[in-house]
Amino acid sequence: MKKIDFKKELKHLYNASMKEVVIVDVSKMNFLMIDGIGDPNTSQDFKNAVEALYNLSYALKFMVKKGKEAVDYGVMPLEGLWWIDDMTKFSVENKDVWKWTVMIMQPEYVTKDLFDEAFEEVKEKKNPPALSKVRFENFHEGLSAQIMHIGPYSTEGPTIEGIHNFVKEKGYSLTGKHHEIYLSDPRKAAPEKWKTIIRQPIK
């Protein structure tokens, strides 16, 4: 059976430098996605969204493993896009108005037909509350600046500011949505060791 570590295959996107901001060109990839609004620390909708995404992602992983492709791969990390309608008023002090899309990248072996099949299987077996909100979508982020942040999410401010300053110094402008990729499991790792890739689309 073929085994693939997509975090290694896509190392330039899923293992950012901790020391410097780097510009990457993010190709088109398929994701499972759910949209919502509210503070991720307290929102039940957010917890439900994460649960549904993981349930479906693992169902798809086992389908690919047992299917004609017979490929074994690790489920990719959770990612989040964050914004508000007026980004000039974006603040960590008022997370209740944050809009978000949480998502998990799916390898090319996962098709829309396979997604539909997995959806029905998960619905029959577990039926998590947010399952009906999951969509299978192609996402092309394109040119972006990114860096690795080490530590709790609450200390990301200076890292984000550093990216924004870098972008302006290099003559680019910010576009798209603030993007975070969560490489650590908060249930297992201490907050000071959490690894989060901070990514900002640019033009």
Foldseek 3Di string as FASTA:
>chain_A
DAEDEVCVVVVPVNPFAAPDKDKDFFFKFKKWKFKDAAACVPDPLNVLRVVLRVQLQVLLQVCCCPDPVNYHYDWFFKKKFWAAPDRVPDDPVGRGGIIMMIITTDDPSDDPVSSVVSLVVCCVPPNGPCSVRIDIDMDGLTIKIKHKDAFAPVPCVVVVVNRCVVCVVVPKHFDDTWMKTWPDDPVPDDRRGTIIMTMTRID
